[in-house]
Amino acid sequence: MHRGIVSLVLSTCLVTAMAAVVQGQPAPPAKAPDTRSPPPPMVFYVARGEPGACGPGCQEWIAAEGFIDPNAEPRLWELLRKIGNDRKPPVYFQSNGGSLTAGFQLGRLLRARGFTVGVGRTMPATCDRRNPADAACDELKRSGRELAAELDTRAGVCASACVYAILGGATRDVGAGAKLAVHDTSMPPTIRSYDEHGRIVDRPLKLSAEKVRIALAAGQEAIATYLKKMGISPDLLTAAHAVSADSLHVLTRDEIVAFGIDRRETVESTWSLVDNAPGVSAVKAIEAREGGAFRKAALSLTCRDATTVRLQYMHETADAAESPPGLRITAGARSVPLVRIEAATPGADRPRLKTLGAELPLAALDAAAFVIEPNATSGQDSDGAAPPSVRLSVQGAAPALAALARRCTSGLQ
C-alpha cells in the first residue's frame, strides 16, 4: 500500500469527531487545487463462476474492490436492491482501505442483511491476469453487468478500513493465505475535499494538542463501540493501536481466531491455477491448529502426463527436529501413502517445511475431497515418531481442478 493511502485509511474515521471539535472555528483558506486525482472508488459487481467457484454449493458472489470512499455504502445498497432479496451471494473484499466511517456503514449494512463476507481477489474471465489494474478491466467491472470470473481467496488482501467493513458479515470467511492488516488512527495534517473537477483539495488543519487528543480519543471510542456491536474482541483495537499509522500489522491466524473475526480452527483457500516450472499447477493453502499452534500447509497438483498428476503436500513443522509422520492421502476411492520428497533447509527467520508426495490418476481430480490422515498400516513413521491424531479434509472437485484436468489431457503443461 502506498504511504499516502495508508495515512488516509484510518484517519477519515475521525471526521465526525473532528467536526465537533472544530465547530465554530474559522476555516483555514483553501489552497489551489493540485493535479492529483483521488483513487478510484470501490466498485461492487456480481461475479459468476463454475459450480464450486466460491466454495461448496457456491457459484456466484459479489466482488467489492478498491478504495472505500464515502459513497461506497449507497452503491452497495443499490446493487443489493437490483439483485433482489431472493439472492444473497457472499461478498468478497479486496481493498487496501479508505474511509473508516464508510467501512462502518458497509459493515452495518452487511450485518443488517445477514450476508456472508470474506476476503478474496476476483478475476473477470476477460481481464488480463498479468495486468489486473488495466483500465479496460476496471471499466468492465464498473459496467453494471454480471461477469464471468474466478475467485482466489489465497491472494485476498483486506487492510485498514476494509477490516472493519468485513466485521459486519453475519458469517466471515478469512481463508488460508488471505491477509488482514491493521494500524492505528492518526490526525491528518489536512482536511481533504474535492473540487468540481474531482481533483484533490487539501486544507491545513490547525488544532491545539488538547483538541487533537480529544479527537483521537473520540475516534478510538467510535471503533470500540463498533467492535462491541459486531461481537469482536476489544483486543483488535489494542492490536491496531500498537501499530503506527504509517505502518501495517498483518494479523496472525491466532489473532484472527482470538479476536472473533473467524473462529474456525481449520481453514483453506480456494484452488487456484499457478503457472510455474515444471508446468501449471492447481494450488490450495491450508491453516490448521495442531498441538495448540496454527500450522501452514499447501496442496499442489501438477500434470505428469495425460493420465497422471503429482500431488505434493507441503507442511510447516514446529522445529527442525520434528520428523514427518506416516501419512496417506485419500481421493475418492483411491488411497495411497505419501512419500517424502524433500526437506527445505530452514532459515533463521522462516519455518521448516516438509514436502510429501504421491502420484494420482487424473480421475482423482473429480474427488469431492482430499483427505490426509495417519497411515493406518503403520503405528509410527520410519523415524520412530508417532503419527498425528489430526485428520485433514479439504475441498476437491473445484473449477481449477477441472481446468487442470483439461490442461493435462490436452498436453498444455
Protein backbone atom coordinates (compact mmCIF):
# COMPACT_ATOMS: atom_id res chain seq x y z
CA MET A 1 0.00 0.00 0.00
CA HIS A 2 1.29 3.49 -0.80
CA ARG A 3 2.08 5.58 2.26
CA GLY A 4 -0.28 8.30 1.05
CA ILE A 5 -3.16 5.84 1.15
CA VAL A 6 -2.02 4.44 4.49
CA SER A 7 -2.13 7.87 6.12
CA LEU A 8 -5.67 8.39 4.84
CA VAL A 9 -7.06 4.96 5.54
CA LEU A 10 -7.93 5.24 9.22
CA SER A 11 -7.70 8.97 9.77
CA THR A 12 -11.01 9.50 7.98
CA CYS A 13 -12.82 7.80 10.85
CA LEU A 14 -12.10 10.95 12.85
CA VAL A 15 -14.06 13.27 10.58
CA THR A 16 -17.15 13.19 12.79
CA ALA A 17 -15.12 13.65 15.95
CA MET A 18 -13.11 16.50 14.45
CA ALA A 19 -16.26 18.22 13.24
CA ALA A 20 -17.42 18.52 16.82
CA VAL A 21 -14.01 19.80 17.93
CA VAL A 22 -13.53 22.44 15.24
CA GLN A 23 -17.15 23.58 15.02
CA GLY A 24 -17.36 27.35 15.18
CA GLN A 25 -13.72 27.92 14.27
CA PRO A 26 -12.93 29.80 11.06
CA ALA A 27 -11.94 27.53 8.22
CA PRO A 28 -8.39 27.96 7.00
CA PRO A 29 -8.08 29.27 3.46
CA ALA A 30 -8.18 26.62 0.74
CA LYS A 31 -5.08 26.20 -1.33
CA ALA A 32 -5.19 26.00 -5.09
CA PRO A 33 -6.30 22.58 -6.44
CA ASP A 34 -3.46 20.27 -7.39
CA THR A 35 -3.42 17.91 -10.32
CA ARG A 36 -3.80 14.69 -8.36
CA SER A 37 -6.91 12.58 -8.80
CA PRO A 38 -8.47 10.59 -5.96
CA PRO A 39 -8.07 6.82 -6.04
CA PRO A 40 -10.84 5.05 -7.98
CA PRO A 41 -13.83 4.46 -5.68
CA MET A 42 -14.78 0.98 -4.55
CA VAL A 43 -16.66 -1.00 -7.17
CA PHE A 44 -19.27 -3.67 -6.48
CA TYR A 45 -20.32 -6.21 -9.10
CA VAL A 46 -21.81 -9.69 -9.29
CA ALA A 47 -19.31 -12.33 -10.36
CA ARG A 48 -20.27 -15.82 -11.51
CA GLY A 49 -18.04 -18.85 -11.89
CA GLU A 50 -18.42 -22.56 -12.37
CA PRO A 51 -20.16 -24.62 -9.64
CA GLY A 52 -17.97 -24.55 -6.54
CA ALA A 53 -16.09 -21.43 -7.64
CA CYS A 54 -16.63 -19.75 -4.25
CA GLY A 55 -16.86 -22.93 -2.18
CA PRO A 56 -19.16 -25.96 -1.96
CA GLY A 57 -22.56 -25.09 -3.41
CA CYS A 58 -21.44 -21.55 -4.29
CA GLN A 59 -21.31 -20.27 -7.85
CA GLU A 60 -21.84 -16.51 -7.61
CA TRP A 61 -20.58 -13.77 -5.32
CA ILE A 62 -20.38 -10.00 -5.03
CA ALA A 63 -16.90 -8.59 -5.59
CA ALA A 64 -16.03 -5.47 -3.56
CA GLU A 65 -12.77 -3.96 -4.78
CA GLY A 66 -10.75 -0.79 -4.36
CA PHE A 67 -10.74 2.31 -2.22
CA ILE A 68 -13.57 2.54 0.34
CA ASP A 69 -14.88 6.00 -0.49
CA PRO A 70 -17.65 7.87 1.38
CA ASN A 71 -20.29 6.81 -1.18
CA ALA A 72 -19.45 3.09 -1.09
CA GLU A 73 -22.40 2.06 1.09
CA PRO A 74 -25.08 3.67 -1.13
CA ARG A 75 -23.61 1.92 -4.18
CA LEU A 76 -23.66 -1.45 -2.45
CA TRP A 77 -27.22 -0.83 -1.29
CA GLU A 78 -28.23 -0.07 -4.88
CA LEU A 79 -26.64 -3.29 -6.16
CA LEU A 80 -28.45 -5.30 -3.48
CA ARG A 81 -31.72 -3.64 -4.48
CA LYS A 82 -31.03 -4.55 -8.10
CA ILE A 83 -30.37 -8.25 -7.50
CA GLY A 84 -33.35 -8.56 -5.14
CA ASN A 85 -33.96 -10.17 -1.77
CA ASP A 86 -34.12 -13.69 -3.20
CA ARG A 87 -30.38 -13.69 -3.92
CA LYS A 88 -27.86 -13.42 -1.13
CA PRO A 89 -24.43 -14.28 -2.55
CA PRO A 90 -21.36 -13.89 -0.33
CA VAL A 91 -19.42 -10.64 -0.58
CA TYR A 92 -15.63 -10.87 -1.10
CA PHE A 93 -13.47 -7.80 -0.42
CA GLN A 94 -10.13 -6.89 -1.98
CA SER A 95 -9.14 -3.48 -0.63
CA ASN A 96 -6.27 -1.51 0.90
CA GLY A 97 -8.72 0.55 2.92
CA GLY A 98 -10.22 4.02 2.75
CA SER A 99 -12.75 5.88 4.87
CA LEU A 100 -13.34 4.10 8.16
CA THR A 101 -16.68 5.85 8.54
CA ALA A 102 -17.69 4.31 5.21
CA GLY A 103 -16.26 0.98 6.37
CA PHE A 104 -18.56 1.11 9.39
CA GLN A 105 -21.51 1.87 7.09
CA LEU A 106 -20.71 -1.10 4.86
CA GLY A 107 -20.37 -3.37 7.87
CA ARG A 108 -23.69 -2.29 9.34
CA LEU A 109 -25.48 -2.82 6.01
CA LEU A 110 -23.98 -6.30 5.58
CA ARG A 111 -24.91 -7.25 9.14
CA ALA A 112 -28.47 -5.97 8.76
CA ARG A 113 -28.91 -8.07 5.60
CA GLY A 114 -27.23 -11.18 7.07
CA PHE A 115 -24.52 -11.61 4.41
CA THR A 116 -21.53 -13.91 4.45
CA VAL A 117 -18.44 -11.75 3.95
CA GLY A 118 -14.93 -12.84 3.03
CA VAL A 119 -11.59 -11.77 1.61
CA GLY A 120 -10.58 -12.71 -1.92
CA ARG A 121 -9.40 -11.43 -5.28
CA THR A 122 -11.85 -11.65 -8.16
CA MET A 123 -10.51 -12.00 -11.70
CA PRO A 124 -13.04 -11.50 -14.51
CA ALA A 125 -12.52 -14.02 -17.30
CA THR A 126 -11.80 -11.41 -20.00
CA CYS A 127 -9.27 -9.41 -17.95
CA ASP A 128 -5.52 -9.82 -18.31
CA ARG A 129 -4.19 -11.82 -15.36
CA ARG A 130 -0.80 -10.14 -15.77
CA ASN A 131 -2.31 -6.66 -15.53
CA PRO A 132 -5.39 -6.76 -13.29
CA ALA A 133 -5.29 -2.95 -12.84
CA ASP A 134 -5.80 -2.38 -16.57
CA ALA A 135 -8.19 0.48 -17.33
CA ALA A 136 -10.28 -1.69 -19.64
CA CYS A 137 -10.73 -4.27 -16.88
CA ASP A 138 -11.74 -1.56 -14.40
CA GLU A 139 -14.26 -0.20 -16.90
CA LEU A 140 -15.72 -3.69 -17.31
CA LYS A 141 -16.13 -4.04 -13.54
CA ARG A 142 -17.97 -0.72 -13.43
CA SER A 143 -20.27 -1.61 -16.32
CA GLY A 144 -23.03 -2.92 -14.04
CA ARG A 145 -23.03 -6.30 -15.78
CA GLU A 146 -22.64 -9.68 -14.11
CA LEU A 147 -19.21 -11.02 -15.04
CA ALA A 148 -17.83 -14.50 -15.54
CA ALA A 149 -14.90 -14.68 -13.13
CA GLU A 150 -12.65 -16.71 -10.83
CA LEU A 151 -12.20 -16.18 -7.10
CA ASP A 152 -8.80 -16.57 -5.43
CA THR A 153 -9.06 -16.30 -1.65
CA ARG A 154 -5.40 -17.27 -1.28
CA ALA A 155 -4.45 -13.88 -2.75
CA GLY A 156 -7.01 -11.84 -0.80
CA VAL A 157 -5.94 -8.60 0.93
CA CYS A 158 -8.10 -6.53 3.27
CA ALA A 159 -6.35 -3.68 5.11
CA SER A 160 -7.28 -0.87 7.46
CA ALA A 161 -10.88 0.29 6.94
CA CYS A 162 -11.61 -2.87 4.95
CA VAL A 163 -11.05 -4.97 8.07
CA TYR A 164 -13.83 -3.09 9.86
CA ALA A 165 -16.13 -3.47 6.85
CA ILE A 166 -15.85 -7.27 6.79
CA LEU A 167 -16.59 -7.46 10.52
CA GLY A 168 -20.21 -6.78 9.57
CA GLY A 169 -20.56 -10.20 7.99
CA ALA A 170 -23.04 -12.48 9.72
CA THR A 171 -20.52 -15.19 8.76
CA ARG A 172 -16.91 -14.28 7.98
CA ASP A 173 -14.67 -16.26 5.64
CA VAL A 174 -10.99 -15.42 6.06
CA GLY A 175 -9.40 -18.29 4.18
CA ALA A 176 -5.84 -19.56 4.40
CA GLY A 177 -3.42 -17.13 2.79
CA ALA A 178 -5.78 -14.14 3.00
CA LYS A 179 -4.21 -11.12 4.70
CA LEU A 180 -5.93 -8.81 7.18
CA ALA A 181 -3.83 -5.77 8.12
CA VAL A 182 -4.45 -3.07 10.74
CA HIS A 183 -2.81 0.04 12.14
CA ASP A 184 -3.52 2.93 14.48
CA THR A 185 -5.61 6.01 13.81
CA SER A 186 -3.91 9.35 13.32
CA MET A 187 -4.78 13.01 13.00
CA PRO A 188 -4.36 14.10 9.37
CA PRO A 189 -2.43 17.33 8.85
CA THR A 190 -5.05 18.46 6.35
CA ILE A 191 -8.77 18.25 5.67
CA ARG A 192 -9.28 16.70 2.24
CA SER A 193 -12.07 17.55 -0.18
CA TYR A 194 -12.52 17.52 -3.96
CA ASP A 195 -13.21 20.34 -6.38
CA GLU A 196 -15.77 20.37 -9.19
CA HIS A 197 -13.30 18.57 -11.46
CA GLY A 198 -12.80 15.73 -8.97
CA ARG A 199 -9.30 16.85 -8.05
CA ILE A 200 -7.95 16.72 -4.51
CA VAL A 201 -8.03 19.88 -2.41
CA ASP A 202 -6.25 19.80 0.96
CA ARG A 203 -6.75 22.50 3.60
CA PRO A 204 -4.39 22.74 6.57
CA LEU A 205 -5.86 21.54 9.84
CA LYS A 206 -4.70 23.61 12.79
CA LEU A 207 -5.66 22.25 16.20
CA SER A 208 -4.18 22.52 19.64
CA ALA A 209 -2.56 19.44 21.16
CA GLU A 210 -5.50 19.09 23.54
CA LYS A 211 -8.06 19.13 20.75
CA VAL A 212 -6.04 16.57 18.82
CA ARG A 213 -6.04 14.35 21.91
CA ILE A 214 -9.82 14.71 22.30
CA ALA A 215 -10.46 13.94 18.62
CA LEU A 216 -8.22 10.86 18.68
CA ALA A 217 -9.92 9.59 21.84
CA ALA A 218 -13.32 10.07 20.21
CA GLY A 219 -12.15 8.08 17.19
CA GLN A 220 -10.94 5.23 19.41
CA GLU A 221 -14.26 5.22 21.26
CA ALA A 222 -16.17 5.02 17.96
CA ILE A 223 -14.12 1.99 16.93
CA ALA A 224 -14.62 0.32 20.31
CA THR A 225 -18.39 0.82 20.09
CA TYR A 226 -18.49 -0.65 16.60
CA LEU A 227 -16.41 -3.70 17.59
CA LYS A 228 -18.70 -4.40 20.54
CA LYS A 229 -21.78 -4.24 18.31
CA MET A 230 -20.18 -6.68 15.86
CA GLY A 231 -19.20 -9.14 18.61
CA ILE A 232 -15.45 -8.60 18.14
CA SER A 233 -12.94 -8.59 20.99
CA PRO A 234 -11.64 -5.15 22.02
CA ASP A 235 -8.18 -6.70 21.73
CA LEU A 236 -8.40 -5.97 17.99
CA LEU A 237 -8.41 -2.25 18.78
CA THR A 238 -5.49 -2.76 21.17
CA ALA A 239 -3.53 -4.57 18.45
CA ALA A 240 -4.25 -1.81 15.91
CA HIS A 241 -3.38 0.93 18.41
CA ALA A 242 0.06 -0.64 18.91
CA VAL A 243 0.97 -0.13 15.22
CA SER A 244 1.98 3.31 13.94
CA ALA A 245 -0.41 4.89 11.45
CA ASP A 246 2.20 4.80 8.67
CA SER A 247 2.77 1.05 9.04
CA LEU A 248 0.71 -2.16 8.93
CA HIS A 249 0.43 -5.29 11.05
CA VAL A 250 -0.83 -8.42 9.30
CA LEU A 251 -2.98 -10.36 11.76
CA THR A 252 -1.85 -13.88 12.53
CA ARG A 253 -4.30 -16.74 12.39
CA ASP A 254 -4.15 -16.91 16.20
CA GLU A 255 -5.24 -13.26 16.35
CA ILE A 256 -7.98 -13.75 13.76
CA VAL A 257 -9.43 -16.55 15.89
CA ALA A 258 -8.86 -14.90 19.28
CA PHE A 259 -10.45 -11.61 18.18
CA GLY A 260 -13.54 -13.48 16.94
CA ILE A 261 -13.13 -12.48 13.28
CA ASP A 262 -13.13 -16.09 12.00
CA ARG A 263 -13.13 -18.70 14.77
CA ARG A 264 -12.56 -21.77 12.59
CA GLU A 265 -9.51 -23.79 13.55
CA THR A 266 -9.06 -25.28 10.08
CA VAL A 267 -9.34 -23.01 7.06
CA GLU A 268 -8.43 -23.41 3.41
CA SER A 269 -8.26 -21.24 0.33
CA THR A 270 -9.98 -21.82 -2.95
CA TRP A 271 -8.00 -23.85 -5.51
CA SER A 272 -6.12 -21.56 -7.91
CA LEU A 273 -4.07 -22.21 -11.05
CA VAL A 274 -0.40 -21.18 -10.95
CA ASP A 275 1.96 -21.25 -13.93
CA ASN A 276 5.36 -22.28 -12.60
CA ALA A 277 8.04 -24.75 -13.69
CA PRO A 278 7.69 -27.62 -14.43
CA GLY A 279 4.14 -26.72 -15.53
CA VAL A 280 0.77 -25.39 -14.50
CA SER A 281 -0.40 -26.47 -11.05
CA ALA A 282 -3.57 -26.21 -9.00
CA VAL A 283 -2.67 -24.91 -5.54
CA LYS A 284 -4.57 -24.69 -2.25
CA ALA A 285 -3.38 -23.10 1.02
CA ILE A 286 -4.37 -24.54 4.40
CA GLU A 287 -4.05 -23.39 8.01
CA ALA A 288 -4.95 -25.74 10.85
CA ARG A 289 -4.42 -25.83 14.57
CA GLU A 290 -2.13 -28.66 15.60
CA GLY A 291 -0.85 -29.16 19.12
CA GLY A 292 -2.05 -25.74 20.27
CA ALA A 293 -0.49 -23.80 17.37
CA PHE A 294 -1.59 -22.98 13.84
CA ARG A 295 0.49 -24.60 11.13
CA LYS A 296 0.51 -23.63 7.46
CA ALA A 297 0.31 -26.18 4.69
CA ALA A 298 -0.35 -26.32 0.97
CA LEU A 299 -1.51 -28.85 -1.59
CA SER A 300 -0.41 -28.68 -5.20
CA LEU A 301 -1.40 -30.86 -8.15
CA THR A 302 0.72 -30.83 -11.31
CA CYS A 303 0.31 -32.66 -14.61
CA ARG A 304 2.74 -35.56 -15.12
CA ASP A 305 1.19 -36.72 -18.39
CA ALA A 306 -2.26 -37.16 -19.91
CA THR A 307 -3.32 -39.70 -17.27
CA THR A 308 -1.37 -38.85 -14.10
CA VAL A 309 -0.92 -35.92 -11.72
CA ARG A 310 1.66 -35.44 -9.00
CA LEU A 311 0.31 -34.32 -5.63
CA GLN A 312 2.60 -32.52 -3.19
CA TYR A 313 1.74 -31.77 0.44
CA MET A 314 3.95 -29.08 1.96
CA HIS A 315 3.61 -28.86 5.71
CA GLU A 316 5.08 -26.46 8.26
CA THR A 317 6.68 -28.23 11.21
CA ALA A 318 7.28 -26.95 14.71
CA ASP A 319 11.06 -27.29 14.75
CA ALA A 320 13.95 -28.75 12.84
CA ALA A 321 13.99 -31.93 14.92
CA GLU A 322 10.39 -32.88 14.10
CA SER A 323 10.06 -35.95 11.89
CA PRO A 324 7.41 -36.31 9.20
CA PRO A 325 4.69 -38.75 10.29
CA GLY A 326 3.48 -41.61 8.14
CA LEU A 327 0.61 -40.15 6.15
CA ARG A 328 -1.61 -41.17 3.27
CA ILE A 329 -3.99 -39.32 1.02
CA THR A 330 -7.46 -40.47 0.03
CA ALA A 331 -9.15 -39.06 -3.08
CA GLY A 332 -12.44 -40.72 -3.83
CA ALA A 333 -11.99 -44.49 -3.87
CA ARG A 334 -8.20 -44.31 -4.14
CA SER A 335 -5.91 -44.12 -1.11
CA VAL A 336 -2.11 -44.01 -1.42
CA PRO A 337 0.75 -43.34 1.00
CA LEU A 338 2.58 -40.03 0.88
CA VAL A 339 6.34 -40.39 0.49
CA ARG A 340 8.90 -37.83 1.49
CA ILE A 341 10.17 -35.73 -1.42
CA GLU A 342 12.40 -33.17 0.20
CA ALA A 343 13.05 -31.22 3.37
CA ALA A 344 13.52 -27.48 2.98
CA THR A 345 16.54 -26.18 4.83
CA PRO A 346 15.17 -23.72 7.38
CA GLY A 347 16.50 -20.19 7.58
CA ALA A 348 16.79 -18.19 10.75
CA ASP A 349 13.52 -16.36 10.10
CA ARG A 350 11.33 -18.92 8.35
CA PRO A 351 9.66 -22.17 9.38
CA ARG A 352 10.82 -25.61 8.42
CA LEU A 353 8.77 -27.21 5.65
CA LYS A 354 8.37 -30.90 4.89
CA THR A 355 7.23 -31.97 1.44
CA LEU A 356 5.47 -35.27 0.83
CA GLY A 357 4.08 -36.51 -2.45
CA ALA A 358 2.19 -39.14 -4.38
CA GLU A 359 1.22 -39.99 -7.94
CA LEU A 360 -2.53 -40.00 -8.60
CA PRO A 361 -4.61 -40.87 -11.64
CA LEU A 362 -6.14 -37.91 -13.43
CA ALA A 363 -9.59 -39.17 -12.41
CA ALA A 364 -8.73 -38.31 -8.78
CA LEU A 365 -9.29 -34.65 -9.64
CA ASP A 366 -13.03 -35.40 -9.63
CA ALA A 367 -12.94 -36.36 -5.92
CA ALA A 368 -15.22 -34.29 -3.71
CA ALA A 369 -12.48 -34.03 -1.07
CA PHE A 370 -8.86 -34.84 -0.41
CA VAL A 371 -8.26 -36.41 2.98
CA ILE A 372 -4.83 -36.55 4.61
CA GLU A 373 -4.59 -38.77 7.68
CA PRO A 374 -2.19 -41.06 9.52
CA ASN A 375 -1.18 -44.16 7.62
CA ALA A 376 -3.26 -46.91 9.22
CA THR A 377 -0.75 -49.54 8.18
CA SER A 378 1.93 -48.12 10.44
CA GLY A 379 1.88 -47.20 14.09
CA GLN A 380 4.83 -44.88 13.56
CA ASP A 381 6.91 -43.46 10.76
CA SER A 382 10.36 -44.55 9.71
CA ASP A 383 11.98 -42.12 12.12
CA GLY A 384 10.07 -43.51 15.08
CA ALA A 385 7.64 -40.62 15.53
CA ALA A 386 4.03 -41.38 16.36
CA PRO A 387 1.56 -40.26 13.69
CA PRO A 388 -0.59 -37.21 14.44
CA SER A 389 -4.12 -37.52 15.71
CA VAL A 390 -5.45 -34.86 13.33
CA ARG A 391 -7.29 -35.70 10.13
CA LEU A 392 -7.28 -33.05 7.44
CA SER A 393 -10.03 -32.94 4.82
CA VAL A 394 -10.08 -30.22 2.16
CA GLN A 395 -12.37 -29.43 -0.75
CA GLY A 396 -11.79 -31.06 -4.12
CA ALA A 397 -13.88 -31.06 -7.32
CA ALA A 398 -13.27 -27.34 -7.90
CA PRO A 399 -13.22 -25.40 -11.20
CA ALA A 400 -9.43 -25.01 -11.01
CA LEU A 401 -9.05 -28.79 -10.81
CA ALA A 402 -11.30 -29.26 -13.84
CA ALA A 403 -9.21 -26.69 -15.70
CA LEU A 404 -6.04 -28.55 -14.70
CA ALA A 405 -7.50 -31.83 -15.98
CA ARG A 406 -8.20 -30.20 -19.35
CA ARG A 407 -4.64 -28.91 -19.49
CA CYS A 408 -3.26 -32.37 -18.70
CA THR A 409 -5.28 -34.17 -21.36
CA SER A 410 -4.55 -31.53 -23.99
CA GLY A 411 -0.82 -31.69 -23.30
CA LEU A 412 -0.65 -27.96 -22.46
CA GLN A 413 1.51 -28.37 -19.39
